[in-house]
Amino acid sequence: MRAIEVYYSLGGNTRRVARQLQRATGADLAEIKTVKPYTGSYDDVVGQGQREVNSGFLPELQPMEVDLDRYDTVILGTPVWWYTFAPAMNSFLRSTDLSGKTVYPFATNGGWLGHTLRDFARACPGAKVALGLNVRFNGSRQLTADRDILNWAQTIQA
């Protein structure tokens, strides 16, 4: 069995960390994409995101050509939207059974992690959810040291 990293990224920060982790772990990589992309100004998207998180909205996702049965380790990455994972990650988790797998979550944010990592544990019943990683940004400038990300990557058992 192998590891796969499944992530959602809106502005590119989560994608950047996902690729860094992929290089460190050798995991396969799959990106979650919504059928209807987010558009508008930053403030427009933030407002829409807040409404979606508060209402439990689950955006429709583009199909991913991934057979998760081939993997026993799943690395999940998301930006933090209103103190939890992005609605696109919520859609993925609601439609995916990760039972019996080991899940390693990471979250990117520009302020506060909120309850994102705890939410992963609740959203992955039957999976072993390992200690997650919080990656801080200021805009597109990464504040969390690369060595901290690489140290976390070394804890991943694939």
N, C-alpha and C. Protein backbone atom coordinates (compact mmCIF):
# COMPACT_ATOMS: atom_id res chain seq x y z
N MET A 1 0.84 -1.19 0.00
CA MET A 1 0.00 0.00 0.00
C MET A 1 0.88 1.24 0.00
N ARG A 2 0.29 2.34 -0.45
CA ARG A 2 1.03 3.58 -0.57
C ARG A 2 0.28 4.72 0.07
N ALA A 3 0.91 5.90 0.00
CA ALA A 3 0.30 7.12 0.55
C ALA A 3 -0.18 8.00 -0.60
N ILE A 4 -1.27 8.70 -0.33
CA ILE A 4 -1.78 9.70 -1.26
C ILE A 4 -2.06 10.97 -0.48
N GLU A 5 -1.84 12.08 -1.14
CA GLU A 5 -2.14 13.37 -0.55
C GLU A 5 -3.28 13.99 -1.35
N VAL A 6 -4.36 14.29 -0.66
CA VAL A 6 -5.54 14.90 -1.29
C VAL A 6 -5.70 16.28 -0.66
N TYR A 7 -5.75 17.30 -1.51
CA TYR A 7 -5.80 18.65 -0.97
C TYR A 7 -6.75 19.52 -1.78
N TYR A 8 -7.20 20.60 -1.13
CA TYR A 8 -7.96 21.66 -1.80
C TYR A 8 -7.19 22.95 -1.57
N SER A 9 -7.06 23.75 -2.63
CA SER A 9 -6.37 25.03 -2.51
C SER A 9 -7.12 26.07 -3.32
N LEU A 10 -7.40 27.20 -2.70
CA LEU A 10 -8.07 28.28 -3.41
C LEU A 10 -7.04 29.25 -3.99
N GLY A 11 -6.16 29.77 -3.16
CA GLY A 11 -5.23 30.80 -3.60
C GLY A 11 -3.82 30.32 -3.89
N GLY A 12 -3.53 29.06 -3.63
CA GLY A 12 -2.22 28.51 -3.94
C GLY A 12 -1.36 28.16 -2.75
N ASN A 13 -1.65 28.69 -1.56
CA ASN A 13 -0.82 28.38 -0.39
C ASN A 13 -0.89 26.90 -0.03
N THR A 14 -2.08 26.34 -0.01
CA THR A 14 -2.21 24.92 0.35
C THR A 14 -1.56 24.05 -0.72
N ARG A 15 -1.71 24.42 -1.98
CA ARG A 15 -1.06 23.68 -3.08
C ARG A 15 0.46 23.69 -2.89
N ARG A 16 1.00 24.82 -2.52
CA ARG A 16 2.45 24.94 -2.32
C ARG A 16 2.94 24.00 -1.22
N VAL A 17 2.21 23.96 -0.11
CA VAL A 17 2.59 23.07 0.98
C VAL A 17 2.39 21.61 0.56
N ALA A 18 1.31 21.34 -0.16
CA ALA A 18 1.05 19.97 -0.62
C ALA A 18 2.19 19.46 -1.49
N ARG A 19 2.68 20.30 -2.36
CA ARG A 19 3.78 19.89 -3.24
C ARG A 19 5.07 19.70 -2.45
N GLN A 20 5.27 20.53 -1.46
CA GLN A 20 6.45 20.37 -0.60
C GLN A 20 6.38 19.04 0.15
N LEU A 21 5.21 18.72 0.68
CA LEU A 21 5.03 17.45 1.39
C LEU A 21 5.15 16.27 0.43
N GLN A 22 4.65 16.42 -0.78
CA GLN A 22 4.73 15.35 -1.76
C GLN A 22 6.19 15.02 -2.07
N ARG A 23 7.00 16.05 -2.23
CA ARG A 23 8.43 15.82 -2.49
C ARG A 23 9.09 15.11 -1.30
N ALA A 24 8.67 15.46 -0.09
CA ALA A 24 9.29 14.87 1.12
C ALA A 24 8.82 13.44 1.37
N THR A 25 7.58 13.13 1.02
CA THR A 25 7.02 11.82 1.36
C THR A 25 6.98 10.85 0.18
N GLY A 26 6.98 11.38 -1.04
CA GLY A 26 6.82 10.52 -2.20
C GLY A 26 5.38 10.08 -2.44
N ALA A 27 4.45 10.65 -1.69
CA ALA A 27 3.03 10.29 -1.84
C ALA A 27 2.51 10.73 -3.20
N ASP A 28 1.52 10.01 -3.69
CA ASP A 28 0.80 10.46 -4.88
C ASP A 28 0.02 11.71 -4.51
N LEU A 29 -0.37 12.50 -5.51
CA LEU A 29 -0.99 13.79 -5.27
C LEU A 29 -2.30 13.89 -6.04
N ALA A 30 -3.35 14.36 -5.37
CA ALA A 30 -4.65 14.57 -6.02
C ALA A 30 -5.25 15.86 -5.50
N GLU A 31 -5.70 16.70 -6.41
CA GLU A 31 -6.28 17.98 -6.03
C GLU A 31 -7.80 17.93 -6.12
N ILE A 32 -8.45 18.41 -5.08
CA ILE A 32 -9.91 18.57 -5.07
C ILE A 32 -10.23 19.86 -5.81
N LYS A 33 -11.14 19.76 -6.77
CA LYS A 33 -11.58 20.96 -7.49
C LYS A 33 -13.10 21.00 -7.51
N THR A 34 -13.64 22.18 -7.30
CA THR A 34 -15.09 22.35 -7.35
C THR A 34 -15.54 22.47 -8.81
N VAL A 35 -16.77 22.03 -9.07
CA VAL A 35 -17.34 22.16 -10.40
C VAL A 35 -17.47 23.63 -10.75
N LYS A 36 -17.96 24.41 -9.79
CA LYS A 36 -18.12 25.85 -9.99
C LYS A 36 -17.03 26.57 -9.20
N PRO A 37 -16.03 27.12 -9.88
CA PRO A 37 -14.94 27.81 -9.17
C PRO A 37 -15.44 29.06 -8.45
N TYR A 38 -14.73 29.41 -7.40
CA TYR A 38 -15.03 30.65 -6.69
C TYR A 38 -14.51 31.82 -7.52
N THR A 39 -15.31 32.87 -7.61
CA THR A 39 -14.93 34.05 -8.39
C THR A 39 -15.23 35.30 -7.58
N GLY A 40 -14.68 36.41 -8.04
CA GLY A 40 -14.92 37.69 -7.38
C GLY A 40 -13.71 38.11 -6.59
N SER A 41 -13.89 39.20 -5.88
CA SER A 41 -12.80 39.74 -5.06
C SER A 41 -12.54 38.84 -3.86
N TYR A 42 -11.44 39.09 -3.21
CA TYR A 42 -11.11 38.35 -1.99
C TYR A 42 -12.25 38.47 -0.98
N ASP A 43 -12.74 39.68 -0.78
CA ASP A 43 -13.84 39.90 0.18
C ASP A 43 -15.10 39.15 -0.23
N ASP A 44 -15.39 39.11 -1.54
CA ASP A 44 -16.55 38.36 -2.02
C ASP A 44 -16.43 36.88 -1.67
N VAL A 45 -15.25 36.31 -1.93
CA VAL A 45 -15.03 34.89 -1.66
C VAL A 45 -15.07 34.61 -0.16
N VAL A 46 -14.49 35.50 0.64
CA VAL A 46 -14.53 35.33 2.10
C VAL A 46 -15.97 35.34 2.59
N GLY A 47 -16.77 36.27 2.11
CA GLY A 47 -18.18 36.32 2.50
C GLY A 47 -18.93 35.08 2.07
N GLN A 48 -18.71 34.64 0.85
CA GLN A 48 -19.35 33.41 0.37
C GLN A 48 -18.91 32.22 1.21
N GLY A 49 -17.62 32.16 1.51
CA GLY A 49 -17.10 31.07 2.33
C GLY A 49 -17.73 31.03 3.70
N GLN A 50 -17.91 32.18 4.32
CA GLN A 50 -18.55 32.22 5.63
C GLN A 50 -19.98 31.70 5.56
N ARG A 51 -20.71 32.14 4.54
CA ARG A 51 -22.09 31.66 4.39
C ARG A 51 -22.12 30.15 4.16
N GLU A 52 -21.20 29.64 3.37
CA GLU A 52 -21.17 28.20 3.08
C GLU A 52 -20.81 27.38 4.32
N VAL A 53 -19.82 27.82 5.06
CA VAL A 53 -19.44 27.10 6.28
C VAL A 53 -20.60 27.12 7.27
N ASN A 54 -21.21 28.29 7.47
CA ASN A 54 -22.30 28.41 8.44
C ASN A 54 -23.52 27.58 8.06
N SER A 55 -23.77 27.42 6.78
CA SER A 55 -24.96 26.68 6.33
C SER A 55 -24.68 25.20 6.09
N GLY A 56 -23.39 24.81 6.14
CA GLY A 56 -23.04 23.41 5.86
C GLY A 56 -23.08 23.08 4.37
N PHE A 57 -22.99 24.09 3.52
CA PHE A 57 -23.05 23.91 2.07
C PHE A 57 -21.94 22.96 1.61
N LEU A 58 -22.29 22.05 0.70
CA LEU A 58 -21.33 21.10 0.14
C LEU A 58 -21.24 21.33 -1.36
N PRO A 59 -20.20 22.02 -1.83
CA PRO A 59 -20.09 22.26 -3.27
C PRO A 59 -19.86 20.96 -4.03
N GLU A 60 -20.37 20.92 -5.24
CA GLU A 60 -20.15 19.76 -6.10
C GLU A 60 -18.69 19.76 -6.54
N LEU A 61 -18.10 18.56 -6.55
CA LEU A 61 -16.69 18.42 -6.89
C LEU A 61 -16.51 17.79 -8.26
N GLN A 62 -15.44 18.18 -8.92
CA GLN A 62 -15.07 17.51 -10.16
C GLN A 62 -14.60 16.10 -9.82
N PRO A 63 -14.88 15.13 -10.69
CA PRO A 63 -14.42 13.76 -10.41
C PRO A 63 -12.89 13.70 -10.32
N MET A 64 -12.42 12.86 -9.41
CA MET A 64 -10.98 12.61 -9.29
C MET A 64 -10.73 11.18 -9.74
N GLU A 65 -9.72 11.00 -10.52
CA GLU A 65 -9.37 9.67 -11.01
C GLU A 65 -8.43 9.00 -10.00
N VAL A 66 -8.97 8.72 -8.82
CA VAL A 66 -8.16 8.16 -7.74
C VAL A 66 -8.91 6.98 -7.14
N ASP A 67 -8.21 5.86 -6.99
CA ASP A 67 -8.77 4.69 -6.31
C ASP A 67 -8.18 4.65 -4.91
N LEU A 68 -8.93 5.17 -3.95
CA LEU A 68 -8.41 5.26 -2.58
C LEU A 68 -8.20 3.89 -1.94
N ASP A 69 -8.78 2.84 -2.51
CA ASP A 69 -8.55 1.49 -1.99
C ASP A 69 -7.09 1.07 -2.12
N ARG A 70 -6.34 1.74 -2.99
CA ARG A 70 -4.93 1.42 -3.20
C ARG A 70 -4.03 2.02 -2.12
N TYR A 71 -4.61 2.82 -1.22
CA TYR A 71 -3.81 3.56 -0.24
C TYR A 71 -4.26 3.25 1.18
N ASP A 72 -3.30 3.14 2.07
CA ASP A 72 -3.65 2.99 3.47
C ASP A 72 -3.31 4.25 4.27
N THR A 73 -2.58 5.17 3.65
CA THR A 73 -2.23 6.44 4.28
C THR A 73 -2.76 7.57 3.40
N VAL A 74 -3.49 8.50 4.03
CA VAL A 74 -4.06 9.62 3.30
C VAL A 74 -3.67 10.91 4.01
N ILE A 75 -2.98 11.77 3.29
CA ILE A 75 -2.62 13.09 3.78
C ILE A 75 -3.67 14.05 3.24
N LEU A 76 -4.31 14.82 4.11
CA LEU A 76 -5.37 15.74 3.70
C LEU A 76 -4.94 17.17 3.97
N GLY A 77 -5.08 18.04 2.97
CA GLY A 77 -4.70 19.43 3.12
C GLY A 77 -5.81 20.38 2.73
N THR A 78 -5.97 21.43 3.52
CA THR A 78 -7.03 22.41 3.28
C THR A 78 -6.63 23.77 3.81
N PRO A 79 -7.15 24.82 3.18
CA PRO A 79 -7.07 26.12 3.85
C PRO A 79 -8.14 26.17 4.95
N VAL A 80 -7.92 27.02 5.93
CA VAL A 80 -8.91 27.21 6.98
C VAL A 80 -9.91 28.26 6.51
N TRP A 81 -11.18 27.90 6.55
CA TRP A 81 -12.26 28.83 6.22
C TRP A 81 -13.14 28.93 7.46
N TRP A 82 -13.15 30.05 8.08
CA TRP A 82 -13.99 30.29 9.24
C TRP A 82 -13.81 29.19 10.30
N TYR A 83 -12.54 28.95 10.63
CA TYR A 83 -12.14 28.11 11.75
C TYR A 83 -12.27 26.61 11.50
N THR A 84 -12.51 26.21 10.23
CA THR A 84 -12.62 24.79 9.91
C THR A 84 -12.10 24.58 8.49
N PHE A 85 -12.20 23.35 7.99
CA PHE A 85 -11.75 23.09 6.62
C PHE A 85 -12.71 23.69 5.62
N ALA A 86 -12.20 23.92 4.41
CA ALA A 86 -12.98 24.53 3.34
C ALA A 86 -14.17 23.65 2.96
N PRO A 87 -15.27 24.24 2.50
CA PRO A 87 -16.42 23.44 2.09
C PRO A 87 -16.08 22.36 1.06
N ALA A 88 -15.13 22.61 0.17
CA ALA A 88 -14.74 21.59 -0.80
C ALA A 88 -14.16 20.36 -0.10
N MET A 89 -13.36 20.56 0.94
CA MET A 89 -12.84 19.42 1.71
C MET A 89 -13.97 18.72 2.44
N ASN A 90 -14.94 19.48 2.94
CA ASN A 90 -16.10 18.89 3.59
C ASN A 90 -16.86 18.00 2.61
N SER A 91 -17.04 18.47 1.37
CA SER A 91 -17.70 17.66 0.34
C SER A 91 -16.94 16.36 0.10
N PHE A 92 -15.63 16.46 0.00
CA PHE A 92 -14.81 15.27 -0.21
C PHE A 92 -14.97 14.29 0.95
N LEU A 93 -14.86 14.79 2.17
CA LEU A 93 -14.93 13.91 3.34
C LEU A 93 -16.31 13.28 3.49
N ARG A 94 -17.36 14.02 3.17
CA ARG A 94 -18.72 13.48 3.29
C ARG A 94 -18.98 12.38 2.26
N SER A 95 -18.25 12.41 1.15
CA SER A 95 -18.50 11.44 0.08
C SER A 95 -17.43 10.33 0.02
N THR A 96 -16.53 10.30 0.99
CA THR A 96 -15.41 9.37 0.95
C THR A 96 -15.30 8.61 2.26
N ASP A 97 -15.16 7.30 2.17
CA ASP A 97 -14.99 6.47 3.36
C ASP A 97 -13.50 6.23 3.58
N LEU A 98 -12.97 6.77 4.64
CA LEU A 98 -11.56 6.60 4.97
C LEU A 98 -11.35 5.59 6.10
N SER A 99 -12.36 4.80 6.39
CA SER A 99 -12.27 3.79 7.45
C SER A 99 -11.07 2.87 7.21
N GLY A 100 -10.35 2.60 8.29
CA GLY A 100 -9.22 1.70 8.23
C GLY A 100 -7.93 2.35 7.73
N LYS A 101 -8.00 3.60 7.35
CA LYS A 101 -6.82 4.30 6.86
C LYS A 101 -6.22 5.18 7.96
N THR A 102 -4.97 5.55 7.79
CA THR A 102 -4.35 6.52 8.67
C THR A 102 -4.36 7.86 7.94
N VAL A 103 -4.90 8.86 8.60
CA VAL A 103 -5.07 10.18 8.01
C VAL A 103 -4.14 11.17 8.70
N TYR A 104 -3.43 11.94 7.90
CA TYR A 104 -2.55 12.99 8.39
C TYR A 104 -3.07 14.31 7.83
N PRO A 105 -3.75 15.12 8.64
CA PRO A 105 -4.28 16.39 8.13
C PRO A 105 -3.32 17.55 8.31
N PHE A 106 -3.38 18.48 7.34
CA PHE A 106 -2.68 19.75 7.53
C PHE A 106 -3.60 20.86 7.06
N ALA A 107 -3.40 22.03 7.65
CA ALA A 107 -4.24 23.19 7.33
C ALA A 107 -3.36 24.42 7.20
N THR A 108 -3.69 25.24 6.20
CA THR A 108 -2.99 26.50 6.00
C THR A 108 -3.93 27.63 6.40
N ASN A 109 -3.37 28.66 7.00
CA ASN A 109 -4.21 29.77 7.44
C ASN A 109 -3.39 31.04 7.62
N GLY A 110 -4.11 32.14 7.63
CA GLY A 110 -3.47 33.43 7.80
C GLY A 110 -3.80 34.08 9.12
N GLY A 111 -4.34 33.31 10.03
CA GLY A 111 -4.70 33.91 11.31
C GLY A 111 -4.86 32.90 12.41
N TRP A 112 -5.91 32.12 12.32
CA TRP A 112 -6.19 31.21 13.42
C TRP A 112 -6.65 29.88 12.86
N LEU A 113 -6.11 28.80 13.39
CA LEU A 113 -6.43 27.44 12.96
C LEU A 113 -7.86 27.05 13.34
N GLY A 114 -8.35 27.64 14.42
CA GLY A 114 -9.69 27.28 14.89
C GLY A 114 -9.76 25.84 15.32
N HIS A 115 -10.81 25.14 14.92
CA HIS A 115 -11.02 23.74 15.30
C HIS A 115 -10.82 22.81 14.12
N THR A 116 -10.09 23.28 13.12
CA THR A 116 -9.92 22.53 11.87
C THR A 116 -9.40 21.12 12.09
N LEU A 117 -8.34 20.96 12.84
CA LEU A 117 -7.75 19.63 13.00
C LEU A 117 -8.68 18.72 13.80
N ARG A 118 -9.36 19.25 14.78
CA ARG A 118 -10.36 18.44 15.52
C ARG A 118 -11.50 18.04 14.60
N ASP A 119 -11.87 18.92 13.69
CA ASP A 119 -12.95 18.61 12.74
C ASP A 119 -12.56 17.46 11.82
N PHE A 120 -11.29 17.38 11.45
CA PHE A 120 -10.85 16.23 10.64
C PHE A 120 -11.10 14.93 11.38
N ALA A 121 -10.78 14.90 12.66
CA ALA A 121 -10.98 13.67 13.44
C ALA A 121 -12.46 13.27 13.45
N ARG A 122 -13.35 14.24 13.59
CA ARG A 122 -14.79 13.94 13.58
C ARG A 122 -15.29 13.52 12.20
N ALA A 123 -14.68 14.07 11.16
CA ALA A 123 -15.14 13.81 9.79
C ALA A 123 -14.58 12.52 9.20
N CYS A 124 -13.71 11.86 9.92
CA CYS A 124 -13.08 10.63 9.41
C CYS A 124 -13.36 9.46 10.36
N PRO A 125 -14.64 9.09 10.57
CA PRO A 125 -14.93 7.99 11.47
C PRO A 125 -14.33 6.68 10.95
N GLY A 126 -13.77 5.92 11.85
CA GLY A 126 -13.18 4.64 11.48
C GLY A 126 -11.75 4.75 10.99
N ALA A 127 -11.25 5.97 10.84
CA ALA A 127 -9.85 6.18 10.45
C ALA A 127 -9.04 6.54 11.68
N LYS A 128 -7.76 6.27 11.61
CA LYS A 128 -6.83 6.73 12.65
C LYS A 128 -6.33 8.09 12.19
N VAL A 129 -6.70 9.15 12.90
CA VAL A 129 -6.30 10.50 12.52
C VAL A 129 -5.10 10.91 13.38
N ALA A 130 -3.98 11.09 12.72
CA ALA A 130 -2.73 11.43 13.40
C ALA A 130 -2.69 12.92 13.73
N LEU A 131 -1.69 13.30 14.49
CA LEU A 131 -1.48 14.70 14.85
C LEU A 131 -1.30 15.52 13.57
N GLY A 132 -2.05 16.59 13.46
CA GLY A 132 -2.03 17.40 12.25
C GLY A 132 -0.98 18.50 12.30
N LEU A 133 -0.89 19.21 11.17
CA LEU A 133 0.08 20.29 11.00
C LEU A 133 -0.64 21.59 10.69
N ASN A 134 -0.26 22.64 11.39
CA ASN A 134 -0.78 23.99 11.17
C ASN A 134 0.30 24.78 10.44
N VAL A 135 0.00 25.27 9.23
CA VAL A 135 0.96 26.04 8.45
C VAL A 135 0.43 27.46 8.31
N ARG A 136 1.15 28.40 8.88
CA ARG A 136 0.73 29.81 8.91
C ARG A 136 1.29 30.58 7.72
N PHE A 137 0.48 31.49 7.22
CA PHE A 137 0.86 32.38 6.13
C PHE A 137 0.48 33.80 6.48
N ASN A 138 1.17 34.75 5.86
CA ASN A 138 0.78 36.16 5.86
C ASN A 138 0.64 36.51 4.38
N GLY A 139 -0.59 36.49 3.89
CA GLY A 139 -0.78 36.61 2.44
C GLY A 139 -0.21 35.38 1.78
N SER A 140 0.74 35.56 0.88
CA SER A 140 1.37 34.41 0.23
C SER A 140 2.74 34.09 0.84
N ARG A 141 3.11 34.81 1.90
CA ARG A 141 4.40 34.56 2.56
C ARG A 141 4.21 33.54 3.68
N GLN A 142 4.91 32.42 3.53
CA GLN A 142 4.82 31.35 4.51
C GLN A 142 5.56 31.75 5.79
N LEU A 143 4.87 31.66 6.93
CA LEU A 143 5.47 31.98 8.22
C LEU A 143 6.01 30.74 8.92
N THR A 144 5.39 29.60 8.72
CA THR A 144 5.86 28.35 9.31
C THR A 144 7.14 27.93 8.60
N ALA A 145 8.14 27.58 9.37
CA ALA A 145 9.44 27.22 8.79
C ALA A 145 9.33 25.94 7.97
N ASP A 146 10.06 25.90 6.85
CA ASP A 146 10.11 24.70 6.02
C ASP A 146 10.55 23.49 6.84
N ARG A 147 11.48 23.68 7.76
CA ARG A 147 11.98 22.54 8.56
C ARG A 147 10.86 21.95 9.42
N ASP A 148 9.91 22.79 9.88
CA ASP A 148 8.79 22.28 10.67
C ASP A 148 7.88 21.42 9.79
N ILE A 149 7.69 21.83 8.55
CA ILE A 149 6.88 21.04 7.62
C ILE A 149 7.58 19.72 7.31
N LEU A 150 8.87 19.78 7.05
CA LEU A 150 9.62 18.56 6.75
C LEU A 150 9.71 17.63 7.95
N ASN A 151 9.83 18.18 9.15
CA ASN A 151 9.83 17.35 10.36
C ASN A 151 8.50 16.62 10.50
N TRP A 152 7.39 17.32 10.22
CA TRP A 152 6.08 16.68 10.28
C TRP A 152 5.98 15.59 9.21
N ALA A 153 6.49 15.87 8.03
CA ALA A 153 6.44 14.88 6.93
C ALA A 153 7.17 13.60 7.33
N GLN A 154 8.22 13.71 8.12
CA GLN A 154 8.97 12.53 8.54
C GLN A 154 8.17 11.65 9.49
N THR A 155 7.10 12.18 10.09
CA THR A 155 6.28 11.36 10.99
C THR A 155 5.27 10.51 10.22
N ILE A 156 5.13 10.75 8.94
CA ILE A 156 4.12 10.05 8.14
C ILE A 156 4.62 8.65 7.82
N GLN A 157 3.83 7.68 8.21
CA GLN A 157 4.14 6.26 7.97
C GLN A 157 3.39 5.80 6.73
N ALA A 158 4.11 5.52 5.68
CA ALA A 158 3.45 5.07 4.44
C ALA A 158 3.99 3.71 4.06
